[in-house]
Amino acid sequence: MLERLVLIALVLLPAGAAMADEGGVQLLRAGTDINDIASLQRGVRNFMSYCSGCHSLKYLRYNRMTADLKMPETLQASLMVTSDKPFDPIVSAMPADSALWFGKSPPDLSLEARAKGVDFIYSYLKGFYADKTRAWGVNNMYLPGTAMPHVLADRQGLQEPVFKSEAEGGASVMVLAGVEPMTSGALKPEEYDQFVRDIVNFLDYAAEPVKAKRQSLGIYVTLFLLVFFVFAYLLKKEYWKDVH
């Protein structure tokens, strides 16, 4: 019985919590709001400027995105870097042999927010630190051994790792405990937090463009079911009053 309960708990475990265990570091809270149109619009700008060169959103089309996020059609053309057709999906400009550059091809990010959770993406983009042993000179505390360079280093600056001593098997070992600023970037820490939060918010939208409408509709459906339950209960009492 206990094993069955553990299995159910693992199945229901949120993606973010699972990744926290894998990386060994508690995830940060993203605090995104899918209904914040201004944040989503900034997220589009940030994603297209820093992410779309390598990563695609193959399940999202330009015209759908600009319509949902209330962006002017004149801006749509400036965002279409790999196509001139508004109904085309958002694909990256990365060549087919990109795996030779990074060791693996940069993944499509269409469903990344649903697969790993917004907290993981937010933490990941804030978790890069200097590591001279890596090909790109950086590593990530939330995804050790990542093949991705720190493309936002000019915005955030560089961080250095902080280690702590822990006992393991009768010996003392140094483990990564966190990061701290090493060099400053173009943005202040709170500005960078918002910069990343906007990207994550946009990826949350891209993973499910109807999410905001679904959540809004869910409130009305729940209210309808509650009202319907009251009438159904009263009707049941009316039918069964002679029986009882």
Protein backbone atom coordinates (compact mmCIF):
# COMPACT_ATOMS: atom_id res chain seq x y z
CA MET A 1 0.00 0.00 0.00
CA LEU A 2 2.82 2.40 0.91
CA GLU A 3 4.64 1.74 -2.35
CA ARG A 4 1.45 2.50 -4.29
CA LEU A 5 1.02 5.82 -2.48
CA VAL A 6 4.65 6.75 -3.20
CA LEU A 7 4.17 5.96 -6.89
CA ILE A 8 1.04 8.12 -7.06
CA ALA A 9 2.89 10.97 -5.34
CA LEU A 10 5.73 10.78 -7.88
CA VAL A 11 3.27 10.86 -10.77
CA LEU A 12 1.49 13.90 -9.35
CA LEU A 13 4.71 15.69 -8.44
CA PRO A 14 4.96 19.07 -10.20
CA ALA A 15 7.64 19.34 -12.87
CA GLY A 16 9.37 22.15 -10.98
CA ALA A 17 9.69 20.12 -7.80
CA ALA A 18 11.16 17.17 -9.71
CA MET A 19 13.82 19.36 -11.28
CA ALA A 20 14.67 20.82 -7.88
CA ASP A 21 15.56 17.35 -6.66
CA GLU A 22 17.56 16.61 -9.82
CA GLY A 23 19.65 19.77 -9.58
CA GLY A 24 19.94 19.51 -5.80
CA VAL A 25 19.05 23.20 -5.34
CA GLN A 26 15.66 24.61 -4.39
CA LEU A 27 13.98 26.39 -7.29
CA LEU A 28 13.16 30.09 -7.21
CA ARG A 29 9.58 31.28 -7.54
CA ALA A 30 8.93 32.84 -10.95
CA GLY A 31 5.85 34.80 -9.91
CA THR A 32 4.57 35.10 -13.48
CA ASP A 33 1.08 36.27 -14.49
CA ILE A 34 -0.31 34.99 -17.78
CA ASN A 35 -2.89 37.80 -17.75
CA ASP A 36 -0.23 40.56 -17.70
CA ILE A 37 -0.27 41.64 -21.36
CA ALA A 38 2.49 44.22 -20.88
CA SER A 39 4.78 41.55 -19.42
CA LEU A 40 3.97 39.18 -22.30
CA GLN A 41 4.76 41.87 -24.85
CA ARG A 42 8.11 42.55 -23.20
CA GLY A 43 8.68 38.80 -23.10
CA VAL A 44 8.20 38.58 -26.88
CA ARG A 45 10.77 41.32 -27.37
CA ASN A 46 13.26 39.64 -25.03
CA PHE A 47 12.74 36.19 -26.52
CA MET A 48 13.10 37.33 -30.12
CA SER A 49 16.22 39.34 -29.26
CA TYR A 50 18.08 36.75 -27.16
CA CYS A 51 16.50 33.32 -27.66
CA SER A 52 15.04 32.95 -31.14
CA GLY A 53 18.46 32.78 -32.77
CA CYS A 54 18.82 29.25 -31.37
CA HIS A 55 15.39 28.18 -30.10
CA SER A 56 12.14 27.78 -32.00
CA LEU A 57 8.48 27.85 -31.01
CA LYS A 58 7.19 25.58 -33.73
CA TYR A 59 3.67 25.29 -32.30
CA LEU A 60 3.08 29.06 -32.20
CA ARG A 61 2.35 31.22 -35.25
CA TYR A 62 3.26 34.89 -35.62
CA ASN A 63 -0.27 36.07 -36.40
CA ARG A 64 -1.76 34.16 -33.44
CA MET A 65 0.87 35.58 -31.10
CA THR A 66 0.44 39.20 -32.15
CA ALA A 67 -3.36 38.94 -32.02
CA ASP A 68 -3.43 37.34 -28.56
CA LEU A 69 -0.93 39.81 -27.13
CA LYS A 70 -2.62 42.85 -28.73
CA MET A 71 0.49 43.83 -30.68
CA PRO A 72 0.20 46.14 -33.71
CA GLU A 73 0.53 44.50 -37.13
CA THR A 74 3.36 46.88 -37.99
CA LEU A 75 5.40 45.31 -35.18
CA GLN A 76 4.66 41.80 -36.43
CA ALA A 77 6.89 42.25 -39.47
CA SER A 78 9.87 43.29 -37.33
CA LEU A 79 9.54 40.09 -35.28
CA MET A 80 9.48 37.76 -38.28
CA VAL A 81 13.19 37.09 -38.67
CA THR A 82 12.93 33.68 -40.35
CA SER A 83 9.75 34.08 -42.43
CA ASP A 84 7.72 36.68 -44.30
CA LYS A 85 4.38 34.88 -43.87
CA PRO A 86 2.34 35.82 -40.76
CA PHE A 87 0.78 32.36 -40.50
CA ASP A 88 4.16 30.59 -40.32
CA PRO A 89 5.35 29.10 -37.01
CA ILE A 90 8.24 30.70 -35.15
CA VAL A 91 11.36 28.80 -36.11
CA SER A 92 14.96 29.58 -35.24
CA ALA A 93 17.70 30.69 -37.60
CA MET A 94 19.99 27.94 -36.31
CA PRO A 95 21.50 25.80 -39.11
CA ALA A 96 21.01 22.05 -39.24
CA ASP A 97 24.55 21.31 -37.99
CA SER A 98 24.02 23.27 -34.75
CA ALA A 99 24.66 20.10 -32.76
CA LEU A 100 28.32 20.44 -33.72
CA TRP A 101 28.44 23.82 -31.96
CA PHE A 102 26.81 22.92 -28.65
CA GLY A 103 27.12 19.13 -28.52
CA LYS A 104 23.35 18.88 -29.01
CA SER A 105 20.78 20.83 -31.02
CA PRO A 106 19.03 23.63 -29.08
CA PRO A 107 15.56 22.31 -28.20
CA ASP A 108 12.26 23.75 -29.34
CA LEU A 109 10.74 25.70 -26.43
CA SER A 110 7.07 25.49 -27.40
CA LEU A 111 6.16 23.20 -24.50
CA GLU A 112 9.08 23.88 -22.17
CA ALA A 113 6.95 25.73 -19.60
CA ARG A 114 4.51 22.82 -19.40
CA ALA A 115 7.23 20.18 -19.35
CA LYS A 116 9.51 21.70 -16.68
CA GLY A 117 7.47 24.47 -15.10
CA VAL A 118 7.96 28.23 -15.05
CA ASP A 119 9.90 28.09 -11.77
CA PHE A 120 12.59 25.90 -13.34
CA ILE A 121 13.01 28.14 -16.41
CA TYR A 122 13.17 31.24 -14.23
CA SER A 123 15.71 29.65 -11.90
CA TYR A 124 17.75 28.30 -14.80
CA LEU A 125 18.09 31.72 -16.43
CA LYS A 126 19.28 33.15 -13.10
CA GLY A 127 21.56 30.21 -12.22
CA PHE A 128 24.55 30.59 -14.56
CA TYR A 129 27.98 30.93 -12.96
CA ALA A 130 31.57 31.14 -14.20
CA ASP A 131 33.21 27.75 -14.74
CA LYS A 132 36.49 27.63 -16.69
CA THR A 133 36.21 23.87 -17.13
CA ARG A 134 33.20 24.26 -19.43
CA ALA A 135 33.45 24.97 -23.17
CA TRP A 136 31.50 28.24 -22.91
CA GLY A 137 33.08 29.25 -19.60
CA VAL A 138 29.84 28.87 -17.62
CA ASN A 139 27.82 26.22 -15.85
CA ASN A 140 24.37 26.26 -14.27
CA MET A 141 23.45 25.39 -10.70
CA TYR A 142 19.98 24.18 -11.70
CA LEU A 143 21.13 22.09 -14.67
CA PRO A 144 24.75 21.06 -14.12
CA GLY A 145 26.69 20.42 -17.32
CA THR A 146 24.35 22.48 -19.47
CA ALA A 147 25.48 22.94 -23.08
CA MET A 148 23.93 26.42 -23.34
CA PRO A 149 26.11 29.54 -23.12
CA HIS A 150 24.99 32.38 -20.86
CA VAL A 151 23.39 34.49 -23.59
CA LEU A 152 22.09 36.99 -21.02
CA ALA A 153 25.48 37.65 -19.44
CA ASP A 154 25.54 41.20 -20.78
CA ARG A 155 22.23 41.83 -19.01
CA GLN A 156 22.96 40.04 -15.73
CA GLY A 157 26.73 40.08 -15.49
CA LEU A 158 28.72 37.06 -14.32
CA GLN A 159 28.26 35.13 -11.10
CA GLU A 160 30.71 33.00 -9.17
CA PRO A 161 29.87 29.76 -7.36
CA VAL A 162 29.65 29.50 -3.58
CA PHE A 163 30.57 26.13 -2.09
CA LYS A 164 29.98 24.65 1.34
CA SER A 165 31.45 21.64 3.12
CA GLU A 166 29.25 18.62 3.75
CA ALA A 167 30.00 15.24 5.31
CA GLU A 168 29.61 12.32 2.93
CA GLY A 169 30.71 8.77 3.68
CA GLY A 170 32.89 9.84 6.57
CA ALA A 171 34.67 12.48 4.47
CA SER A 172 34.16 16.18 3.92
CA VAL A 173 33.19 17.21 0.39
CA MET A 174 32.55 20.61 -1.17
CA VAL A 175 29.10 21.04 -2.72
CA LEU A 176 27.60 23.94 -4.63
CA ALA A 177 25.46 26.02 -2.28
CA GLY A 178 24.63 29.02 -4.45
CA VAL A 179 26.04 31.86 -6.49
CA GLU A 180 26.98 35.46 -5.87
CA PRO A 181 27.69 38.44 -8.18
CA MET A 182 31.16 38.62 -9.72
CA THR A 183 30.76 41.31 -12.40
CA SER A 184 27.86 43.66 -13.01
CA GLY A 185 25.70 43.70 -16.12
CA ALA A 186 23.65 46.31 -17.94
CA LEU A 187 20.66 45.71 -15.66
CA LYS A 188 20.30 46.04 -11.93
CA PRO A 189 19.43 42.77 -10.13
CA GLU A 190 15.75 43.66 -9.79
CA GLU A 191 15.63 44.75 -13.43
CA TYR A 192 17.19 41.50 -14.56
CA ASP A 193 14.69 39.56 -12.45
CA GLN A 194 11.85 41.29 -14.32
CA PHE A 195 13.61 40.80 -17.66
CA VAL A 196 13.78 37.04 -17.07
CA ARG A 197 10.28 36.91 -15.58
CA ASP A 198 8.90 38.45 -18.79
CA ILE A 199 10.62 35.80 -20.92
CA VAL A 200 9.26 33.02 -18.70
CA ASN A 201 5.79 34.55 -18.76
CA PHE A 202 5.87 34.58 -22.56
CA LEU A 203 7.03 30.94 -22.66
CA ASP A 204 4.15 30.07 -20.34
CA TYR A 205 1.78 31.68 -22.85
CA ALA A 206 3.50 29.99 -25.82
CA ALA A 207 3.09 26.56 -24.20
CA GLU A 208 -0.68 27.05 -24.04
CA PRO A 209 -2.01 30.16 -25.83
CA VAL A 210 -5.56 29.52 -24.57
CA LYS A 211 -4.49 29.18 -20.92
CA ALA A 212 -5.76 32.59 -19.80
CA LYS A 213 -9.11 32.06 -21.54
CA ARG A 214 -9.35 28.52 -20.16
CA GLN A 215 -8.78 29.70 -16.62
CA SER A 216 -11.28 32.53 -17.01
CA LEU A 217 -13.89 30.19 -18.50
CA GLY A 218 -13.25 27.69 -15.71
CA ILE A 219 -14.53 30.17 -13.13
CA TYR A 220 -17.86 30.52 -14.96
CA VAL A 221 -18.14 26.76 -15.45
CA THR A 222 -17.55 26.18 -11.74
CA LEU A 223 -20.21 28.76 -10.81
CA PHE A 224 -22.65 27.16 -13.25
CA LEU A 225 -22.05 23.72 -11.74
CA LEU A 226 -22.60 25.07 -8.22
CA VAL A 227 -25.90 26.68 -9.21
CA PHE A 228 -26.92 23.56 -11.13
CA PHE A 229 -26.13 21.43 -8.05
CA VAL A 230 -28.52 23.51 -5.93
CA PHE A 231 -31.38 23.07 -8.40
CA ALA A 232 -30.57 19.36 -8.85
CA TYR A 233 -30.61 18.86 -5.09
CA LEU A 234 -33.96 20.63 -4.73
CA LEU A 235 -35.37 18.56 -7.60
CA LYS A 236 -34.12 15.36 -5.95
CA LYS A 237 -35.87 16.32 -2.70
CA GLU A 238 -39.09 17.01 -4.59
CA TYR A 239 -39.02 13.62 -6.32
CA TRP A 240 -38.16 11.69 -3.16
CA LYS A 241 -40.34 13.49 -0.63
CA ASP A 242 -43.13 10.90 -0.87
CA VAL A 243 -40.67 8.01 -0.53
CA HIS A 244 -39.17 9.29 2.70
